[in-house]
């Protein structure tokens, strides 16, 4: 049996950044690893420039995300001055166009458990989530939460059993725990230590729920 911390992510808008090229800022359809690590880091008070603590957190936690209410994507159009030109990395005095994706009315349940090399406890995470140092948001600062993040803590055989202990049922689960009998998804959302805004690829196992929200 393992211990699992359960979070609920709910808000009118969420944004979990996918691979971006300057003006185009897509969102994944479920919370990314980098986004979840950023949320926990905010609660713990870990600064973005503190690479050592960021890496310690990343090495300590694993995630499984259940889609409770599939999102509807919307695109927010902006114009920006003095931004870098796409693909060139140069400053421009001209106004450029930007498109930022958001997820409307999405709801997720997240199970968090510790890796074998963890240097942080679930108790410390729970304390930080209940009394965050910095304000946690749902991927971007413009995406506030509408309910407390902390939902519960369970002892269970695996993350699926832990998620089943809290409703609603039937959502597809994307898990860091690889099950070779299940379909898998490659996603580029693992922050590379010491490299700003650079990410490595990981695999997640997909446990398709009755809601039919499988993302390919």
C-alpha atoms as a PDB file:
ATOM      1  CA  UNK A   1       0.000   0.000   0.000  1.00  0.00           C
ATOM      2  CA  UNK A   2       1.141   3.529  -0.790  1.00  0.00           C
ATOM      3  CA  UNK A   3      -0.057   6.928   0.305  1.00  0.00           C
ATOM      4  CA  UNK A   4      -1.632   9.177  -2.316  1.00  0.00           C
ATOM      5  CA  UNK A   5      -2.352  12.886  -2.054  1.00  0.00           C
ATOM      6  CA  UNK A   6      -5.478  13.874  -3.984  1.00  0.00           C
ATOM      7  CA  UNK A   7      -5.967  17.328  -5.496  1.00  0.00           C
ATOM      8  CA  UNK A   8      -8.927  18.845  -7.335  1.00  0.00           C
ATOM      9  CA  UNK A   9      -8.209  21.337 -10.119  1.00  0.00           C
ATOM     10  CA  UNK A  10     -11.250  23.433 -10.987  1.00  0.00           C
ATOM     11  CA  UNK A  11     -11.676  26.902 -12.449  1.00  0.00           C
ATOM     12  CA  UNK A  12     -13.392  28.782 -15.282  1.00  0.00           C
ATOM     13  CA  UNK A  13     -10.141  28.728 -17.270  1.00  0.00           C
ATOM     14  CA  UNK A  14      -7.034  26.566 -17.217  1.00  0.00           C
ATOM     15  CA  UNK A  15      -3.946  26.535 -19.446  1.00  0.00           C
ATOM     16  CA  UNK A  16      -1.310  23.800 -19.433  1.00  0.00           C
ATOM     17  CA  UNK A  17       1.304  24.914 -21.917  1.00  0.00           C
ATOM     18  CA  UNK A  18       2.230  22.712 -24.818  1.00  0.00           C
ATOM     19  CA  UNK A  19       5.137  23.167 -27.221  1.00  0.00           C
ATOM     20  CA  UNK A  20       5.140  26.826 -28.195  1.00  0.00           C
ATOM     21  CA  UNK A  21       6.596  29.035 -30.914  1.00  0.00           C
ATOM     22  CA  UNK A  22       6.535  32.593 -29.605  1.00  0.00           C
ATOM     23  CA  UNK A  23       3.141  33.951 -30.613  1.00  0.00           C
ATOM     24  CA  UNK A  24       1.395  30.594 -30.518  1.00  0.00           C
ATOM     25  CA  UNK A  25       0.773  29.320 -26.988  1.00  0.00           C
ATOM     26  CA  UNK A  26      -1.199  26.045 -27.120  1.00  0.00           C
ATOM     27  CA  UNK A  27      -2.486  24.173 -24.080  1.00  0.00           C
ATOM     28  CA  UNK A  28      -2.433  20.442 -23.458  1.00  0.00           C
ATOM     29  CA  UNK A  29      -5.819  18.871 -22.767  1.00  0.00           C
ATOM     30  CA  UNK A  30      -4.834  17.784 -19.254  1.00  0.00           C
ATOM     31  CA  UNK A  31      -2.429  19.221 -16.650  1.00  0.00           C
ATOM     32  CA  UNK A  32       1.192  18.882 -17.725  1.00  0.00           C
ATOM     33  CA  UNK A  33       3.984  17.649 -15.471  1.00  0.00           C
ATOM     34  CA  UNK A  34       5.729  21.020 -15.688  1.00  0.00           C
ATOM     35  CA  UNK A  35       2.488  22.786 -14.760  1.00  0.00           C
ATOM     36  CA  UNK A  36       1.812  20.545 -11.773  1.00  0.00           C
ATOM     37  CA  UNK A  37       5.393  20.954 -10.548  1.00  0.00           C
ATOM     38  CA  UNK A  38       4.985  24.720 -10.868  1.00  0.00           C
ATOM     39  CA  UNK A  39       1.770  24.607  -8.852  1.00  0.00           C
ATOM     40  CA  UNK A  40       3.430  22.619  -6.049  1.00  0.00           C
ATOM     41  CA  UNK A  41       6.515  24.852  -6.160  1.00  0.00           C
ATOM     42  CA  UNK A  42       4.323  27.930  -5.710  1.00  0.00           C
ATOM     43  CA  UNK A  43       2.654  26.371  -2.684  1.00  0.00           C
ATOM     44  CA  UNK A  44       6.031  25.447  -1.189  1.00  0.00           C
ATOM     45  CA  UNK A  45       7.507  28.874  -1.905  1.00  0.00           C
ATOM     46  CA  UNK A  46      10.224  27.599  -4.247  1.00  0.00           C
ATOM     47  CA  UNK A  47      11.438  30.405  -6.493  1.00  0.00           C
ATOM     48  CA  UNK A  48      11.804  29.848 -10.228  1.00  0.00           C
ATOM     49  CA  UNK A  49      15.519  30.620 -10.033  1.00  0.00           C
ATOM     50  CA  UNK A  50      16.151  28.013  -7.312  1.00  0.00           C
ATOM     51  CA  UNK A  51      17.177  25.174  -9.622  1.00  0.00           C
ATOM     52  CA  UNK A  52      18.304  22.903  -6.783  1.00  0.00           C
ATOM     53  CA  UNK A  53      14.962  22.923  -4.956  1.00  0.00           C
ATOM     54  CA  UNK A  54      13.037  22.726  -8.229  1.00  0.00           C
ATOM     55  CA  UNK A  55      14.976  19.588  -9.174  1.00  0.00           C
ATOM     56  CA  UNK A  56      14.515  18.092  -5.698  1.00  0.00           C
ATOM     57  CA  UNK A  57      10.757  18.538  -6.018  1.00  0.00           C
ATOM     58  CA  UNK A  58      10.695  17.099  -9.544  1.00  0.00           C
ATOM     59  CA  UNK A  59      12.629  14.024  -8.402  1.00  0.00           C
ATOM     60  CA  UNK A  60      10.264  13.442  -5.484  1.00  0.00           C
ATOM     61  CA  UNK A  61       6.782  13.271  -7.013  1.00  0.00           C
ATOM     62  CA  UNK A  62       4.817  11.263  -9.572  1.00  0.00           C
ATOM     63  CA  UNK A  63       1.394  12.116 -10.958  1.00  0.00           C
ATOM     64  CA  UNK A  64      -1.775  10.576 -12.329  1.00  0.00           C
ATOM     65  CA  UNK A  65      -4.435  12.899 -13.752  1.00  0.00           C
ATOM     66  CA  UNK A  66      -8.087  11.958 -14.202  1.00  0.00           C
ATOM     67  CA  UNK A  67     -10.248  14.016 -16.550  1.00  0.00           C
ATOM     68  CA  UNK A  68     -13.507  14.605 -14.672  1.00  0.00           C
ATOM     69  CA  UNK A  69     -15.000  17.153 -17.071  1.00  0.00           C
ATOM     70  CA  UNK A  70     -13.457  17.272 -20.571  1.00  0.00           C
ATOM     71  CA  UNK A  71     -12.377  20.791 -21.538  1.00  0.00           C
ATOM     72  CA  UNK A  72     -13.574  23.034 -24.320  1.00  0.00           C
ATOM     73  CA  UNK A  73     -10.708  24.897 -25.961  1.00  0.00           C
ATOM     74  CA  UNK A  74     -10.834  28.634 -26.578  1.00  0.00           C
ATOM     75  CA  UNK A  75      -8.256  30.901 -28.206  1.00  0.00           C
ATOM     76  CA  UNK A  76      -7.481  34.372 -26.874  1.00  0.00           C
ATOM     77  CA  UNK A  77      -6.097  36.715 -29.542  1.00  0.00           C
ATOM     78  CA  UNK A  78      -3.616  39.466 -28.549  1.00  0.00           C
ATOM     79  CA  UNK A  79      -1.237  41.917 -30.141  1.00  0.00           C
ATOM     80  CA  UNK A  80       2.116  42.466 -28.402  1.00  0.00           C
ATOM     81  CA  UNK A  81       4.776  45.135 -28.860  1.00  0.00           C
ATOM     82  CA  UNK A  82       8.541  44.614 -28.502  1.00  0.00           C
ATOM     83  CA  UNK A  83       8.265  40.824 -28.648  1.00  0.00           C
ATOM     84  CA  UNK A  84      10.716  38.392 -30.193  1.00  0.00           C
ATOM     85  CA  UNK A  85      10.067  37.536 -33.809  1.00  0.00           C
ATOM     86  CA  UNK A  86       8.975  33.966 -34.404  1.00  0.00           C
ATOM     87  CA  UNK A  87      11.869  31.544 -34.921  1.00  0.00           C
ATOM     88  CA  UNK A  88      14.506  34.325 -35.009  1.00  0.00           C
ATOM     89  CA  UNK A  89      14.971  35.181 -31.327  1.00  0.00           C
ATOM     90  CA  UNK A  90      15.443  38.854 -32.223  1.00  0.00           C
ATOM     91  CA  UNK A  91      13.800  41.910 -30.701  1.00  0.00           C
ATOM     92  CA  UNK A  92      11.300  43.681 -32.870  1.00  0.00           C
ATOM     93  CA  UNK A  93       9.791  47.128 -32.518  1.00  0.00           C
ATOM     94  CA  UNK A  94       6.816  46.007 -34.505  1.00  0.00           C
ATOM     95  CA  UNK A  95       3.566  44.699 -33.090  1.00  0.00           C
ATOM     96  CA  UNK A  96       3.112  40.938 -33.446  1.00  0.00           C
ATOM     97  CA  UNK A  97       0.019  38.773 -33.178  1.00  0.00           C
ATOM     98  CA  UNK A  98      -0.361  36.088 -30.496  1.00  0.00           C
ATOM     99  CA  UNK A  99      -2.821  33.246 -29.978  1.00  0.00           C
ATOM    100  CA  UNK A 100      -3.150  31.729 -26.488  1.00  0.00           C
ATOM    101  CA  UNK A 101      -5.232  28.644 -25.854  1.00  0.00           C
ATOM    102  CA  UNK A 102      -7.273  28.143 -22.696  1.00  0.00           C
ATOM    103  CA  UNK A 103      -9.465  25.301 -21.423  1.00  0.00           C
ATOM    104  CA  UNK A 104     -12.976  26.272 -20.388  1.00  0.00           C
ATOM    105  CA  UNK A 105     -14.786  24.656 -17.439  1.00  0.00           C
ATOM    106  CA  UNK A 106     -12.396  21.709 -17.189  1.00  0.00           C
ATOM    107  CA  UNK A 107     -12.205  19.634 -13.991  1.00  0.00           C
ATOM    108  CA  UNK A 108      -9.402  17.266 -13.023  1.00  0.00           C
ATOM    109  CA  UNK A 109      -8.524  15.024 -10.092  1.00  0.00           C
ATOM    110  CA  UNK A 110      -4.795  14.503  -9.523  1.00  0.00           C
ATOM    111  CA  UNK A 111      -3.164  11.706  -7.507  1.00  0.00           C
ATOM    112  CA  UNK A 112       0.354  12.439  -6.250  1.00  0.00           C
ATOM    113  CA  UNK A 113       2.704   9.869  -4.759  1.00  0.00           C
ATOM    114  CA  UNK A 114       6.383   9.830  -3.827  1.00  0.00           C
ATOM    115  CA  UNK A 115       9.237   8.337  -5.795  1.00  0.00           C
ATOM    116  CA  UNK A 116      11.821   6.066  -4.186  1.00  0.00           C
ATOM    117  CA  UNK A 117      14.305   8.971  -4.167  1.00  0.00           C
ATOM    118  CA  UNK A 118      11.887  11.493  -2.621  1.00  0.00           C
ATOM    119  CA  UNK A 119      13.364  14.166  -0.367  1.00  0.00           C
ATOM    120  CA  UNK A 120      10.006  15.689   0.555  1.00  0.00           C
ATOM    121  CA  UNK A 121       7.054  14.168   2.430  1.00  0.00           C
ATOM    122  CA  UNK A 122       3.376  14.156   1.511  1.00  0.00           C
ATOM    123  CA  UNK A 123       2.709  15.808   4.878  1.00  0.00           C
ATOM    124  CA  UNK A 124       4.904  18.751   3.860  1.00  0.00           C
ATOM    125  CA  UNK A 125       3.078  18.998   0.534  1.00  0.00           C
ATOM    126  CA  UNK A 126      -0.301  18.950   2.257  1.00  0.00           C
ATOM    127  CA  UNK A 127       0.731  21.722   4.664  1.00  0.00           C
ATOM    128  CA  UNK A 128       1.980  23.834   1.750  1.00  0.00           C
ATOM    129  CA  UNK A 129      -1.143  23.240  -0.343  1.00  0.00           C
ATOM    130  CA  UNK A 130      -3.391  24.255   2.541  1.00  0.00           C
ATOM    131  CA  UNK A 131      -1.286  27.340   3.322  1.00  0.00           C
ATOM    132  CA  UNK A 132       0.565  28.239   0.102  1.00  0.00           C
ATOM    133  CA  UNK A 133       3.469  30.688   0.125  1.00  0.00           C
ATOM    134  CA  UNK A 134       2.648  31.957  -3.373  1.00  0.00           C
ATOM    135  CA  UNK A 135      -0.814  31.953  -4.927  1.00  0.00           C
ATOM    136  CA  UNK A 136      -1.336  28.748  -6.927  1.00  0.00           C
ATOM    137  CA  UNK A 137      -3.011  29.040 -10.317  1.00  0.00           C
ATOM    138  CA  UNK A 138      -4.179  26.639 -12.985  1.00  0.00           C
ATOM    139  CA  UNK A 139      -1.265  26.924 -15.399  1.00  0.00           C
ATOM    140  CA  UNK A 140      -1.201  30.695 -15.910  1.00  0.00           C
ATOM    141  CA  UNK A 141      -1.640  33.628 -13.541  1.00  0.00           C
ATOM    142  CA  UNK A 142      -4.881  34.537 -15.299  1.00  0.00           C
ATOM    143  CA  UNK A 143      -6.385  31.148 -14.318  1.00  0.00           C
ATOM    144  CA  UNK A 144      -7.471  31.228 -10.643  1.00  0.00           C
ATOM    145  CA  UNK A 145      -8.723  28.206  -8.737  1.00  0.00           C
ATOM    146  CA  UNK A 146     -12.361  28.148  -7.614  1.00  0.00           C
ATOM    147  CA  UNK A 147     -12.118  25.508  -4.873  1.00  0.00           C
ATOM    148  CA  UNK A 148      -9.454  24.344  -2.407  1.00  0.00           C
ATOM    149  CA  UNK A 149      -6.770  22.249  -4.070  1.00  0.00           C
ATOM    150  CA  UNK A 150      -6.544  19.684  -1.275  1.00  0.00           C
ATOM    151  CA  UNK A 151      -9.202  16.981  -1.528  1.00  0.00           C
ATOM    152  CA  UNK A 152      -7.952  14.003   0.548  1.00  0.00           C
ATOM    153  CA  UNK A 153      -5.160  11.543   1.255  1.00  0.00           C
ATOM    154  CA  UNK A 154      -5.623   7.802   0.799  1.00  0.00           C
ATOM    155  CA  UNK A 155      -3.702   4.585   1.269  1.00  0.00           C
ATOM    156  CA  UNK A 156      -4.217   2.391  -1.784  1.00  0.00           C
ATOM    157  CA  UNK A 157      -2.635  -0.359  -3.868  1.00  0.00           C
ATOM    158  CA  UNK A 158      -2.109   1.974  -6.835  1.00  0.00           C
ATOM    159  CA  UNK A 159      -3.083   5.388  -8.155  1.00  0.00           C
ATOM    160  CA  UNK A 160      -6.201   4.041  -9.902  1.00  0.00           C
ATOM    161  CA  UNK A 161      -7.561   2.596  -6.684  1.00  0.00           C
ATOM    162  CA  UNK A 162      -6.809   5.897  -4.936  1.00  0.00           C
ATOM    163  CA  UNK A 163      -8.610   7.916  -7.610  1.00  0.00           C
ATOM    164  CA  UNK A 164     -11.590   5.546  -7.477  1.00  0.00           C
ATOM    165  CA  UNK A 165     -12.062   6.476  -3.809  1.00  0.00           C
ATOM    166  CA  UNK A 166     -13.141   9.981  -4.779  1.00  0.00           C
ATOM    167  CA  UNK A 167     -15.764  10.915  -7.372  1.00  0.00           C
ATOM    168  CA  UNK A 168     -16.757  11.416 -10.040  1.00  0.00           C
ATOM    169  CA  UNK A 169     -16.082   8.080 -11.711  1.00  0.00           C
ATOM    170  CA  UNK A 170     -15.376   7.256 -15.329  1.00  0.00           C
ATOM    171  CA  UNK A 171     -12.793   9.782 -16.466  1.00  0.00           C
ATOM    172  CA  UNK A 172      -9.732   8.799 -18.478  1.00  0.00           C
ATOM    173  CA  UNK A 173      -6.529   8.658 -16.396  1.00  0.00           C
ATOM    174  CA  UNK A 174      -3.053   9.688 -17.603  1.00  0.00           C
ATOM    175  CA  UNK A 175      -0.452   8.158 -15.304  1.00  0.00           C
ATOM    176  CA  UNK A 176       3.310   8.340 -14.760  1.00  0.00           C
ATOM    177  CA  UNK A 177       3.136   4.673 -13.763  1.00  0.00           C
ATOM    178  CA  UNK A 178       3.630   2.847 -17.065  1.00  0.00           C
ATOM    179  CA  UNK A 179       1.351  -0.115 -17.739  1.00  0.00           C
ATOM    180  CA  UNK A 180       2.574  -2.015 -20.802  1.00  0.00           C
ATOM    181  CA  UNK A 181      -0.920  -3.402 -21.426  1.00  0.00           C
ATOM    182  CA  UNK A 182      -2.374   0.111 -21.889  1.00  0.00           C
ATOM    183  CA  UNK A 183      -1.965   2.642 -24.705  1.00  0.00           C
ATOM    184  CA  UNK A 184       0.663   5.298 -24.146  1.00  0.00           C
ATOM    185  CA  UNK A 185       1.066   8.944 -24.989  1.00  0.00           C
ATOM    186  CA  UNK A 186       4.326  10.827 -25.494  1.00  0.00           C
ATOM    187  CA  UNK A 187       4.273  14.346 -24.135  1.00  0.00           C
ATOM    188  CA  UNK A 188       7.043  16.934 -23.987  1.00  0.00           C
ATOM    189  CA  UNK A 189       6.533  18.478 -20.542  1.00  0.00           C
ATOM    190  CA  UNK A 190       9.453  17.439 -18.314  1.00  0.00           C
ATOM    191  CA  UNK A 191      11.453  20.541 -17.268  1.00  0.00           C
ATOM    192  CA  UNK A 192      15.183  20.219 -17.963  1.00  0.00           C
ATOM    193  CA  UNK A 193      17.132  21.361 -14.917  1.00  0.00           C
ATOM    194  CA  UNK A 194      19.188  24.479 -15.528  1.00  0.00           C
ATOM    195  CA  UNK A 195      17.675  25.145 -18.969  1.00  0.00           C
ATOM    196  CA  UNK A 196      14.999  27.810 -18.998  1.00  0.00           C
ATOM    197  CA  UNK A 197      11.827  26.784 -20.825  1.00  0.00           C
ATOM    198  CA  UNK A 198      13.351  23.604 -22.236  1.00  0.00           C
ATOM    199  CA  UNK A 199      11.585  20.278 -21.828  1.00  0.00           C
ATOM    200  CA  UNK A 200      12.207  16.573 -22.275  1.00  0.00           C
ATOM    201  CA  UNK A 201       9.710  13.966 -23.444  1.00  0.00           C
ATOM    202  CA  UNK A 202       8.031  11.379 -21.218  1.00  0.00           C
ATOM    203  CA  UNK A 203       5.444   8.643 -21.656  1.00  0.00           C
ATOM    204  CA  UNK A 204       2.175   8.326 -19.777  1.00  0.00           C
ATOM    205  CA  UNK A 205      -0.113   5.310 -19.638  1.00  0.00           C
ATOM    206  CA  UNK A 206      -3.681   5.989 -20.734  1.00  0.00           C
ATOM    207  CA  UNK A 207      -6.506   4.258 -18.885  1.00  0.00           C
ATOM    208  CA  UNK A 208      -9.533   5.117 -20.999  1.00  0.00           C
ATOM    209  CA  UNK A 209     -12.636   5.915 -18.963  1.00  0.00           C
ATOM    210  CA  UNK A 210     -16.293   5.747 -19.836  1.00  0.00           C
ATOM    211  CA  UNK A 211     -16.348   9.467 -20.606  1.00  0.00           C
ATOM    212  CA  UNK A 212     -14.540   8.937 -23.893  1.00  0.00           C
ATOM    213  CA  UNK A 213     -12.046  11.785 -23.409  1.00  0.00           C
ATOM    214  CA  UNK A 214      -9.029   9.931 -24.757  1.00  0.00           C
ATOM    215  CA  UNK A 215      -6.430  12.283 -26.208  1.00  0.00           C
ATOM    216  CA  UNK A 216      -4.271  10.939 -29.041  1.00  0.00           C
END
